[in-house]
Protein backbone atom coordinates (compact mmCIF):
# COMPACT_ATOMS: atom_id res chain seq x y z
CA ALA A 1 31.20 -37.54 -30.09
CA TYR A 2 31.99 -34.99 -27.38
CA ILE A 3 34.55 -37.36 -25.77
CA ASP A 4 36.04 -38.13 -29.17
CA THR A 5 36.50 -34.41 -29.77
CA MET A 6 38.04 -33.81 -26.34
CA THR A 7 40.40 -36.77 -26.47
CA GLY A 8 41.15 -36.81 -30.16
CA VAL A 9 40.48 -40.59 -30.20
CA LYS A 10 37.82 -41.97 -32.52
CA ASP A 11 35.08 -44.20 -31.01
CA THR A 12 36.31 -43.72 -27.43
CA VAL A 13 33.14 -45.11 -25.84
CA GLY A 14 33.20 -48.18 -28.12
CA LYS A 15 36.84 -48.85 -27.32
CA VAL A 16 36.28 -48.45 -23.57
CA THR A 17 33.22 -50.71 -23.75
CA ALA A 18 35.21 -53.38 -25.63
CA SER A 19 38.05 -53.16 -23.09
CA VAL A 20 35.65 -53.53 -20.17
CA LYS A 21 34.03 -56.57 -21.84
CA GLU A 22 37.46 -58.13 -22.42
CA LEU A 23 38.39 -57.48 -18.80
CA ALA A 24 35.14 -59.05 -17.59
CA THR A 25 35.73 -62.09 -19.80
CA GLU A 26 39.31 -62.42 -18.51
CA ILE A 27 38.14 -62.15 -14.88
CA VAL A 28 35.53 -64.88 -15.44
CA LYS A 29 38.15 -67.07 -17.15
CA GLU A 30 40.63 -66.58 -14.29
CA GLY A 31 37.86 -67.24 -11.78
CA LYS A 32 37.08 -70.56 -13.45
CA ALA A 33 40.77 -71.44 -13.52
CA ALA A 34 41.09 -70.57 -9.83
CA GLY A 35 38.06 -72.74 -9.10
CA LYS A 36 39.62 -75.63 -11.00
CA ILE A 37 42.89 -75.17 -9.07
CA ALA A 38 40.98 -75.15 -5.77
CA ASP A 39 39.17 -78.34 -6.82
CA GLN A 40 42.49 -80.02 -7.66
CA ARG A 41 43.94 -79.03 -4.31
CA ALA A 42 40.84 -80.26 -2.48
CA ALA A 43 41.05 -83.60 -4.31
CA ALA A 44 44.75 -83.88 -3.44
CA ASP A 45 44.04 -83.01 0.21
CA LYS A 46 41.30 -85.64 0.39
CA LEU A 47 43.56 -88.24 -1.22
CA ASP A 48 46.45 -87.32 1.11
CA ARG A 49 44.26 -87.74 4.21
CA LYS A 50 43.08 -91.13 2.98
CA LEU A 51 46.64 -92.16 2.14
CA ILE A 52 47.91 -91.49 5.67
CA THR A 53 46.19 -94.58 7.06
CA GLU A 54 46.44 -96.56 3.82
CA ARG A 55 50.23 -96.10 3.78
CA ALA A 56 50.53 -97.16 7.43
CA GLU A 57 48.40 -100.26 6.82
CA ALA A 58 50.29 -101.08 3.63
CA ASN A 59 53.63 -100.73 5.43
CA ARG A 60 52.46 -103.12 8.16
CA LYS A 61 51.10 -105.67 5.67
CA ARG A 62 54.24 -105.37 3.53
CA ALA A 63 56.44 -105.93 6.58
CA GLU A 64 54.41 -109.03 7.48
CA LEU A 65 54.77 -110.40 3.95
CA LEU A 66 58.50 -109.70 3.87
CA GLU A 67 58.87 -111.43 7.25
CA LYS A 68 57.03 -114.48 5.90
CA ALA A 69 59.23 -114.43 2.80
CA VAL A 70 62.43 -114.74 4.84
CA ASP A 71 61.04 -117.27 7.35
CA LYS A 72 62.22 -120.56 5.80
CA GLU A 73 61.42 -122.68 8.82
CA LYS A 74 57.76 -121.79 9.01
CA PHE A 75 56.89 -122.99 5.55
CA SER A 76 57.11 -126.26 3.66
CA THR A 77 60.15 -128.46 4.09
CA LYS A 78 60.17 -129.15 0.35
CA VAL A 79 62.66 -126.71 -1.11
CA LYS A 80 60.77 -125.97 -4.34
CA PHE A 81 57.44 -125.43 -2.58
CA ALA A 82 58.95 -123.26 0.15
CA THR A 83 60.74 -121.09 -2.39
CA LYS A 84 57.59 -120.72 -4.47
CA GLU A 85 55.62 -119.65 -1.38
CA ARG A 86 58.29 -117.24 -0.27
CA ILE A 87 58.47 -115.70 -3.76
CA GLU A 88 54.69 -115.26 -3.75
CA PHE A 89 54.96 -113.37 -0.45
CA LEU A 90 57.57 -111.10 -2.03
CA LYS A 91 55.44 -110.51 -5.10
CA GLU A 92 52.40 -109.72 -2.97
CA ALA A 93 54.47 -107.26 -0.92
CA GLY A 94 55.71 -105.67 -4.15
CA ALA A 95 52.19 -105.37 -5.56
CA LEU A 96 50.96 -103.80 -2.33
CA GLU A 97 53.80 -101.27 -2.37
CA GLU A 98 53.18 -100.50 -6.04
CA GLU A 99 49.46 -99.88 -5.43
CA ILE A 100 49.94 -97.46 -2.52
CA THR A 101 52.83 -95.66 -4.22
CA GLN A 102 50.73 -95.15 -7.37
CA LYS A 103 48.07 -93.49 -5.21
CA GLU A 104 50.73 -91.23 -3.66
CA ILE A 105 52.03 -90.38 -7.14
CA LYS A 106 48.49 -89.49 -8.24
CA ALA A 107 48.08 -87.10 -5.28
CA SER A 108 51.51 -85.60 -5.97
CA LYS A 109 50.63 -85.05 -9.64
CA LEU A 110 47.38 -83.33 -8.63
CA ARG A 111 49.26 -80.94 -6.36
CA LEU A 112 51.91 -80.22 -8.98
CA SER A 113 49.30 -79.65 -11.69
CA ALA A 114 47.39 -77.23 -9.45
CA LYS A 115 50.57 -75.30 -8.63
CA GLN A 116 51.62 -75.15 -12.29
CA ALA A 117 48.17 -73.86 -13.27
CA GLU A 118 48.30 -71.28 -10.49
CA ASN A 119 51.76 -70.12 -11.54
CA ALA A 120 50.62 -69.93 -15.18
CA LEU A 121 47.98 -67.36 -14.18
CA GLY A 122 50.83 -64.97 -13.51
CA GLY A 123 52.09 -63.07 -10.52
CA SER A 124 54.18 -66.01 -9.33
CA THR A 125 56.59 -65.19 -6.54
CA LYS A 126 59.95 -66.77 -5.92
CA GLU A 127 58.26 -68.86 -3.21
CA ASP A 128 55.59 -70.06 -5.68
CA LEU A 129 58.23 -71.17 -8.15
CA GLU A 130 60.21 -72.84 -5.37
CA GLU A 131 57.08 -74.67 -4.21
CA GLU A 132 56.51 -75.90 -7.78
CA ALA A 133 60.10 -77.15 -7.95
CA ASN A 134 59.67 -78.94 -4.61
CA LEU A 135 56.45 -80.57 -5.82
CA LYS A 136 58.27 -81.77 -8.97
CA ALA A 137 61.10 -83.12 -6.84
CA ASN A 138 58.62 -84.91 -4.56
CA LEU A 139 57.02 -86.58 -7.57
CA ILE A 140 60.40 -87.67 -8.91
CA ASN A 141 61.38 -88.99 -5.46
CA LEU A 142 58.17 -91.05 -5.23
CA GLU A 143 58.81 -92.54 -8.65
CA THR A 144 62.44 -93.25 -7.76
CA ALA A 145 61.43 -94.93 -4.49
CA ARG A 146 58.90 -97.05 -6.37
CA LEU A 147 61.58 -98.22 -8.81
CA GLY A 148 63.99 -98.90 -5.95
CA LYS A 149 61.48 -101.08 -4.12
CA GLN A 150 60.68 -102.96 -7.32
CA ARG A 151 64.39 -103.60 -7.82
CA GLU A 152 64.68 -104.79 -4.21
CA ILE A 153 61.84 -107.31 -4.66
CA THR A 154 63.31 -108.52 -7.96
CA SER A 155 66.73 -109.00 -6.31
CA GLN A 156 65.18 -110.98 -3.47
CA VAL A 157 63.25 -113.20 -5.89
CA ILE A 158 66.47 -113.91 -7.81
CA ALA A 159 68.29 -114.64 -4.55
CA PHE A 160 65.55 -117.04 -3.40
CA LYS A 161 65.66 -118.87 -6.74
CA SER A 162 69.46 -119.14 -6.60
CA GLU A 163 69.30 -120.33 -3.00
CA SER A 164 66.66 -122.90 -3.93
CA ALA A 165 68.72 -124.17 -6.86
CA ALA A 166 71.80 -124.47 -4.65
CA GLU A 167 69.82 -126.40 -2.02
CA GLU A 168 68.46 -128.75 -4.68
CA VAL A 169 71.97 -129.40 -6.00
CA ALA A 170 73.15 -130.09 -2.44
CA ILE A 171 70.27 -132.53 -1.87
CA GLU A 172 70.96 -134.32 -5.17
CA THR A 173 74.68 -134.47 -4.34
CA GLU A 174 73.87 -136.01 -0.92
CA LYS A 175 71.57 -138.58 -2.54
CA ALA A 176 74.22 -139.49 -5.11
CA ALA A 177 76.85 -139.82 -2.36
CA ALA A 178 74.52 -142.00 -0.30
CA ILE A 179 73.81 -144.27 -3.26
CA GLU A 180 77.54 -144.57 -4.07
CA SER A 181 78.36 -145.50 -0.48
CA ILE A 182 75.98 -148.46 -0.62
């Protein structure tokens, strides 16, 4: 009552108490959000570390598969069988690339989500917003690269099938010419 009289505000102590409780609740909420952000970053860091070697191994295996796919001489002399084998190598290389890229996309999404949550808490600097934009761009670039590599594999499969069909036509033409010359 004394404070109410001095300040001219009714229920001063009640209002201050309510404000302090709200502040405490907000601090706890922000603390939980910060903990969640830290957990997301830790998960992304762990995934990134794991992906360093996985990407290197996937690149090596993919290169081996692509080499096998273009090595006509090493595989069957039957055109259809060789083409089928070579296409399988391409598809396996594509699947391997897709798998590792999806893991990289997952890590990138974790990082972006953590940064967006951090920026949503307020007090974002120009650098924070720039970092968020860079994380978005990185995610888009990963998705674009994935689509580009899929397109590359599809183009090679189409080329192998066309090449195989042309070789079969040439073989049939040779056979027909040989039969006619008899």
